[in-house]
Amino acid sequence: MKWAAPNAELLAQTVLGGSASSITFNSIPQTHRDLVIVTFGISTSTGLAQLKMRINGDSSSNYETQAMFGIDATVTAVRLTAQTSLECGIIGDTDPSTSEAIIAGYTNTSYPKQVLARAAYQDATGYPIIWTAASHLYSTSAAITSLTFFPQAGNFAAGVEISLFGIG
């Protein structure tokens, strides 16, 4: 998978040969300014599932989310506090979805981490069109050294691709 950005470097990539409950990138180099995560694929669940992410293996209630999502012409907004992971996208069941998340200043230890995420999905019939856009806060200031991804329901199916890029 290629992602076009000035000074982008592919740090890690996983393409699953079989199903898996999660994908983890450990020992993330502390040599860039920002991280970008790009995902593509399907899950083994029935229907759409949220694509979840945990930072540094932290499953404590350190995540907050402000999100909007749309299904056709209906838009809904939510605010979630004290969550144990953040939603960095959606993952389809029979038709693949695409998600992207940006973490600015991932090595900075002075501030909590902010994550911007967006996703899109459309089934083979062209309906429904679903999109999400979210802002997340990880309330600790630790540098990010690992990221774990997992679907809210089911497992990742074979062929799921997650790429991690460093920028700047």
C-alpha atoms as a PDB file:
ATOM      1  CA  MET A   1       0.000   0.000   0.000  1.00  0.00           C
ATOM      2  CA  LYS A   2       1.313   3.436  -0.883  1.00  0.00           C
ATOM      3  CA  TRP A   3       0.371   6.634   0.848  1.00  0.00           C
ATOM      4  CA  ALA A   4       1.349   9.904  -0.771  1.00  0.00           C
ATOM      5  CA  ALA A   5       2.819  12.525   1.556  1.00  0.00           C
ATOM      6  CA  PRO A   6       6.070  14.453   1.649  1.00  0.00           C
ATOM      7  CA  ASN A   7       8.691  12.618   3.691  1.00  0.00           C
ATOM      8  CA  ALA A   8       6.408   9.612   4.327  1.00  0.00           C
ATOM      9  CA  GLU A   9       8.199   6.416   5.286  1.00  0.00           C
ATOM     10  CA  LEU A  10       6.541   3.013   5.582  1.00  0.00           C
ATOM     11  CA  LEU A  11       7.424   1.878   9.116  1.00  0.00           C
ATOM     12  CA  ALA A  12       5.394  -1.334   9.268  1.00  0.00           C
ATOM     13  CA  GLN A  13       2.777  -3.207   7.293  1.00  0.00           C
ATOM     14  CA  THR A  14       0.736  -6.325   7.896  1.00  0.00           C
ATOM     15  CA  VAL A  15      -1.273  -8.184   5.258  1.00  0.00           C
ATOM     16  CA  LEU A  16      -3.055 -11.126   6.852  1.00  0.00           C
ATOM     17  CA  GLY A  17      -2.841 -14.557   5.252  1.00  0.00           C
ATOM     18  CA  GLY A  18      -5.590 -15.834   7.568  1.00  0.00           C
ATOM     19  CA  SER A  19      -7.966 -14.437  10.152  1.00  0.00           C
ATOM     20  CA  ALA A  20      -6.637 -12.807  13.337  1.00  0.00           C
ATOM     21  CA  SER A  21      -8.170 -11.196  16.413  1.00  0.00           C
ATOM     22  CA  SER A  22      -5.717  -8.273  16.408  1.00  0.00           C
ATOM     23  CA  ILE A  23      -2.677  -6.711  14.760  1.00  0.00           C
ATOM     24  CA  THR A  24       0.046  -5.021  16.817  1.00  0.00           C
ATOM     25  CA  PHE A  25       2.925  -2.827  15.726  1.00  0.00           C
ATOM     26  CA  ASN A  26       5.582  -2.851  18.474  1.00  0.00           C
ATOM     27  CA  SER A  27       8.813  -0.885  18.824  1.00  0.00           C
ATOM     28  CA  ILE A  28       7.620   2.047  16.707  1.00  0.00           C
ATOM     29  CA  PRO A  29      10.721   4.134  15.874  1.00  0.00           C
ATOM     30  CA  GLN A  30      10.775   7.543  17.568  1.00  0.00           C
ATOM     31  CA  THR A  31      12.292   9.198  14.499  1.00  0.00           C
ATOM     32  CA  HIS A  32       9.338  11.009  12.915  1.00  0.00           C
ATOM     33  CA  ARG A  33       6.989  13.812  13.894  1.00  0.00           C
ATOM     34  CA  ASP A  34       3.640  12.179  13.031  1.00  0.00           C
ATOM     35  CA  LEU A  35       2.114   8.766  12.336  1.00  0.00           C
ATOM     36  CA  VAL A  36      -0.468   7.830   9.699  1.00  0.00           C
ATOM     37  CA  ILE A  37      -2.335   4.519   9.770  1.00  0.00           C
ATOM     38  CA  VAL A  38      -4.140   3.256   6.647  1.00  0.00           C
ATOM     39  CA  THR A  39      -6.386   0.179   6.770  1.00  0.00           C
ATOM     40  CA  PHE A  40      -8.283  -1.793   4.164  1.00  0.00           C
ATOM     41  CA  GLY A  41     -10.242  -5.011   4.484  1.00  0.00           C
ATOM     42  CA  ILE A  42     -13.093  -6.957   6.038  1.00  0.00           C
ATOM     43  CA  SER A  43     -13.922  -8.684   9.314  1.00  0.00           C
ATOM     44  CA  THR A  44     -15.546 -12.030  10.071  1.00  0.00           C
ATOM     45  CA  SER A  45     -18.487 -10.371  11.866  1.00  0.00           C
ATOM     46  CA  THR A  46     -21.957  -9.964  10.409  1.00  0.00           C
ATOM     47  CA  GLY A  47     -22.446  -6.325   9.488  1.00  0.00           C
ATOM     48  CA  LEU A  48     -20.081  -3.438  10.060  1.00  0.00           C
ATOM     49  CA  ALA A  49     -17.774  -3.321  13.064  1.00  0.00           C
ATOM     50  CA  GLN A  50     -15.809  -0.478  14.570  1.00  0.00           C
ATOM     51  CA  LEU A  51     -12.067  -0.667  13.974  1.00  0.00           C
ATOM     52  CA  LYS A  52     -10.556  -0.187  17.437  1.00  0.00           C
ATOM     53  CA  MET A  53      -7.055   0.940  18.425  1.00  0.00           C
ATOM     54  CA  ARG A  54      -5.136   0.833  21.692  1.00  0.00           C
ATOM     55  CA  ILE A  55      -2.024   2.875  22.324  1.00  0.00           C
ATOM     56  CA  ASN A  56       0.958   1.365  24.164  1.00  0.00           C
ATOM     57  CA  GLY A  57      -1.162  -1.628  25.203  1.00  0.00           C
ATOM     58  CA  ASP A  58      -3.263   0.617  27.457  1.00  0.00           C
ATOM     59  CA  SER A  59      -6.738  -0.818  28.114  1.00  0.00           C
ATOM     60  CA  SER A  60      -7.519   1.648  30.930  1.00  0.00           C
ATOM     61  CA  SER A  61     -10.258   4.278  30.551  1.00  0.00           C
ATOM     62  CA  ASN A  62      -7.849   6.832  29.029  1.00  0.00           C
ATOM     63  CA  TYR A  63      -9.600   7.460  25.705  1.00  0.00           C
ATOM     64  CA  GLU A  64     -12.190  10.074  24.719  1.00  0.00           C
ATOM     65  CA  THR A  65     -13.993  10.447  21.395  1.00  0.00           C
ATOM     66  CA  GLN A  66     -16.016  13.092  19.598  1.00  0.00           C
ATOM     67  CA  ALA A  67     -17.363  11.587  16.378  1.00  0.00           C
ATOM     68  CA  MET A  68     -19.787  12.073  13.527  1.00  0.00           C
ATOM     69  CA  PHE A  69     -21.014   9.340  11.263  1.00  0.00           C
ATOM     70  CA  GLY A  70     -23.320   9.329   8.330  1.00  0.00           C
ATOM     71  CA  ILE A  71     -25.477   6.734   6.666  1.00  0.00           C
ATOM     72  CA  ASP A  72     -26.775   8.165   3.398  1.00  0.00           C
ATOM     73  CA  ALA A  73     -28.257  11.557   4.350  1.00  0.00           C
ATOM     74  CA  THR A  74     -28.535  10.932   8.098  1.00  0.00           C
ATOM     75  CA  VAL A  75     -25.734  12.328  10.262  1.00  0.00           C
ATOM     76  CA  THR A  76     -25.279  11.525  13.956  1.00  0.00           C
ATOM     77  CA  ALA A  77     -22.767  12.848  16.483  1.00  0.00           C
ATOM     78  CA  VAL A  78     -21.573  11.209  19.707  1.00  0.00           C
ATOM     79  CA  ARG A  79     -19.223  11.999  22.578  1.00  0.00           C
ATOM     80  CA  LEU A  80     -17.703   9.137  24.538  1.00  0.00           C
ATOM     81  CA  THR A  81     -15.543   9.465  27.650  1.00  0.00           C
ATOM     82  CA  ALA A  82     -13.612   6.986  29.789  1.00  0.00           C
ATOM     83  CA  GLN A  83     -13.279   4.474  26.942  1.00  0.00           C
ATOM     84  CA  THR A  84     -10.804   1.554  26.916  1.00  0.00           C
ATOM     85  CA  SER A  85      -9.875   2.021  23.223  1.00  0.00           C
ATOM     86  CA  LEU A  86     -10.570   4.458  20.421  1.00  0.00           C
ATOM     87  CA  GLU A  87     -12.390   3.958  17.142  1.00  0.00           C
ATOM     88  CA  CYS A  88      -9.997   4.612  14.287  1.00  0.00           C
ATOM     89  CA  GLY A  89     -12.387   3.518  11.552  1.00  0.00           C
ATOM     90  CA  ILE A  90     -14.894   0.932  10.462  1.00  0.00           C
ATOM     91  CA  ILE A  91     -14.444  -2.500   8.947  1.00  0.00           C
ATOM     92  CA  GLY A  92     -16.931  -4.139   6.601  1.00  0.00           C
ATOM     93  CA  ASP A  93     -18.145  -7.719   6.542  1.00  0.00           C
ATOM     94  CA  THR A  94     -18.459  -8.791   2.902  1.00  0.00           C
ATOM     95  CA  ASP A  95     -17.233  -5.620   1.205  1.00  0.00           C
ATOM     96  CA  PRO A  96     -14.012  -3.913   2.318  1.00  0.00           C
ATOM     97  CA  SER A  97     -13.792  -0.552   4.031  1.00  0.00           C
ATOM     98  CA  THR A  98     -11.011   2.012   4.077  1.00  0.00           C
ATOM     99  CA  SER A  99      -9.862   3.926   7.159  1.00  0.00           C
ATOM    100  CA  GLU A 100      -7.149   6.464   7.897  1.00  0.00           C
ATOM    101  CA  ALA A 101      -5.918   7.846  11.216  1.00  0.00           C
ATOM    102  CA  ILE A 102      -3.357  10.550  11.936  1.00  0.00           C
ATOM    103  CA  ILE A 103      -1.461  10.912  15.220  1.00  0.00           C
ATOM    104  CA  ALA A 104       0.443  14.190  15.388  1.00  0.00           C
ATOM    105  CA  GLY A 105       3.413  14.550  17.714  1.00  0.00           C
ATOM    106  CA  TYR A 106       3.509  10.877  18.710  1.00  0.00           C
ATOM    107  CA  THR A 107       6.965  11.233  20.331  1.00  0.00           C
ATOM    108  CA  ASN A 108       6.078  14.364  22.322  1.00  0.00           C
ATOM    109  CA  THR A 109       5.937  13.670  26.077  1.00  0.00           C
ATOM    110  CA  SER A 110       4.574  17.084  27.108  1.00  0.00           C
ATOM    111  CA  TYR A 111       0.985  16.688  25.918  1.00  0.00           C
ATOM    112  CA  PRO A 112      -1.780  14.070  25.641  1.00  0.00           C
ATOM    113  CA  LYS A 113      -2.061  12.514  22.181  1.00  0.00           C
ATOM    114  CA  GLN A 114      -4.731  13.591  19.701  1.00  0.00           C
ATOM    115  CA  VAL A 115      -5.897  11.291  16.928  1.00  0.00           C
ATOM    116  CA  LEU A 116      -7.923  12.259  13.852  1.00  0.00           C
ATOM    117  CA  ALA A 117      -9.665   9.389  12.063  1.00  0.00           C
ATOM    118  CA  ARG A 118     -11.937   8.938   9.082  1.00  0.00           C
ATOM    119  CA  ALA A 119     -13.421   5.979   7.260  1.00  0.00           C
ATOM    120  CA  ALA A 120     -15.640   5.066   4.330  1.00  0.00           C
ATOM    121  CA  TYR A 121     -17.638   1.999   3.356  1.00  0.00           C
ATOM    122  CA  GLN A 122     -20.025   1.154   0.542  1.00  0.00           C
ATOM    123  CA  ASP A 123     -21.376  -2.308  -0.124  1.00  0.00           C
ATOM    124  CA  ALA A 124     -21.344  -3.860  -3.597  1.00  0.00           C
ATOM    125  CA  THR A 125     -24.914  -2.721  -4.319  1.00  0.00           C
ATOM    126  CA  GLY A 126     -23.963   0.917  -3.690  1.00  0.00           C
ATOM    127  CA  TYR A 127     -26.054   1.124  -0.539  1.00  0.00           C
ATOM    128  CA  PRO A 128     -25.526   2.128   2.153  1.00  0.00           C
ATOM    129  CA  ILE A 129     -22.769   4.689   1.947  1.00  0.00           C
ATOM    130  CA  ILE A 130     -21.309   5.075   5.417  1.00  0.00           C
ATOM    131  CA  TRP A 131     -18.616   7.497   6.551  1.00  0.00           C
ATOM    132  CA  THR A 132     -17.132   8.458   9.901  1.00  0.00           C
ATOM    133  CA  ALA A 133     -14.977  11.318  11.114  1.00  0.00           C
ATOM    134  CA  ALA A 134     -13.682  11.463  14.662  1.00  0.00           C
ATOM    135  CA  SER A 135     -11.372  13.311  17.005  1.00  0.00           C
ATOM    136  CA  HIS A 136      -9.862  11.304  19.855  1.00  0.00           C
ATOM    137  CA  LEU A 137      -7.862  12.116  22.933  1.00  0.00           C
ATOM    138  CA  TYR A 138      -5.505   9.663  24.596  1.00  0.00           C
ATOM    139  CA  SER A 139      -5.119  11.299  27.984  1.00  0.00           C
ATOM    140  CA  THR A 140      -1.530  10.346  28.749  1.00  0.00           C
ATOM    141  CA  SER A 141       1.561  12.153  27.506  1.00  0.00           C
ATOM    142  CA  ALA A 142       3.743   9.078  26.983  1.00  0.00           C
ATOM    143  CA  ALA A 143       5.450   8.705  23.625  1.00  0.00           C
ATOM    144  CA  ILE A 144       3.708   6.134  21.429  1.00  0.00           C
ATOM    145  CA  THR A 145       5.781   2.979  21.024  1.00  0.00           C
ATOM    146  CA  SER A 146       3.088   0.445  20.068  1.00  0.00           C
ATOM    147  CA  LEU A 147      -0.347   0.344  18.446  1.00  0.00           C
ATOM    148  CA  THR A 148      -2.830  -2.543  18.563  1.00  0.00           C
ATOM    149  CA  PHE A 149      -5.804  -2.791  16.193  1.00  0.00           C
ATOM    150  CA  PHE A 150      -8.837  -5.061  16.542  1.00  0.00           C
ATOM    151  CA  PRO A 151     -12.415  -5.194  15.246  1.00  0.00           C
ATOM    152  CA  GLN A 152     -15.177  -4.489  17.751  1.00  0.00           C
ATOM    153  CA  ALA A 153     -16.832  -7.776  16.712  1.00  0.00           C
ATOM    154  CA  GLY A 154     -15.437 -10.895  15.073  1.00  0.00           C
ATOM    155  CA  ASN A 155     -11.880 -11.119  13.780  1.00  0.00           C
ATOM    156  CA  PHE A 156      -9.934  -9.573  10.942  1.00  0.00           C
ATOM    157  CA  ALA A 157     -10.426 -11.693   7.818  1.00  0.00           C
ATOM    158  CA  ALA A 158      -7.635 -12.871   5.540  1.00  0.00           C
ATOM    159  CA  GLY A 159      -6.348 -10.072   3.311  1.00  0.00           C
ATOM    160  CA  VAL A 160      -6.770  -7.246   5.843  1.00  0.00           C
ATOM    161  CA  GLU A 161      -4.014  -4.722   5.295  1.00  0.00           C
ATOM    162  CA  ILE A 162      -2.810  -2.223   7.891  1.00  0.00           C
ATOM    163  CA  SER A 163       0.062   0.122   7.083  1.00  0.00           C
ATOM    164  CA  LEU A 164       1.908   2.453   9.445  1.00  0.00           C
ATOM    165  CA  PHE A 165       3.722   5.480   8.035  1.00  0.00           C
ATOM    166  CA  GLY A 166       6.013   8.006   9.709  1.00  0.00           C
ATOM    167  CA  ILE A 167       5.961  11.612   8.502  1.00  0.00           C
ATOM    168  CA  GLY A 168       8.355  14.483   9.101  1.00  0.00           C
END
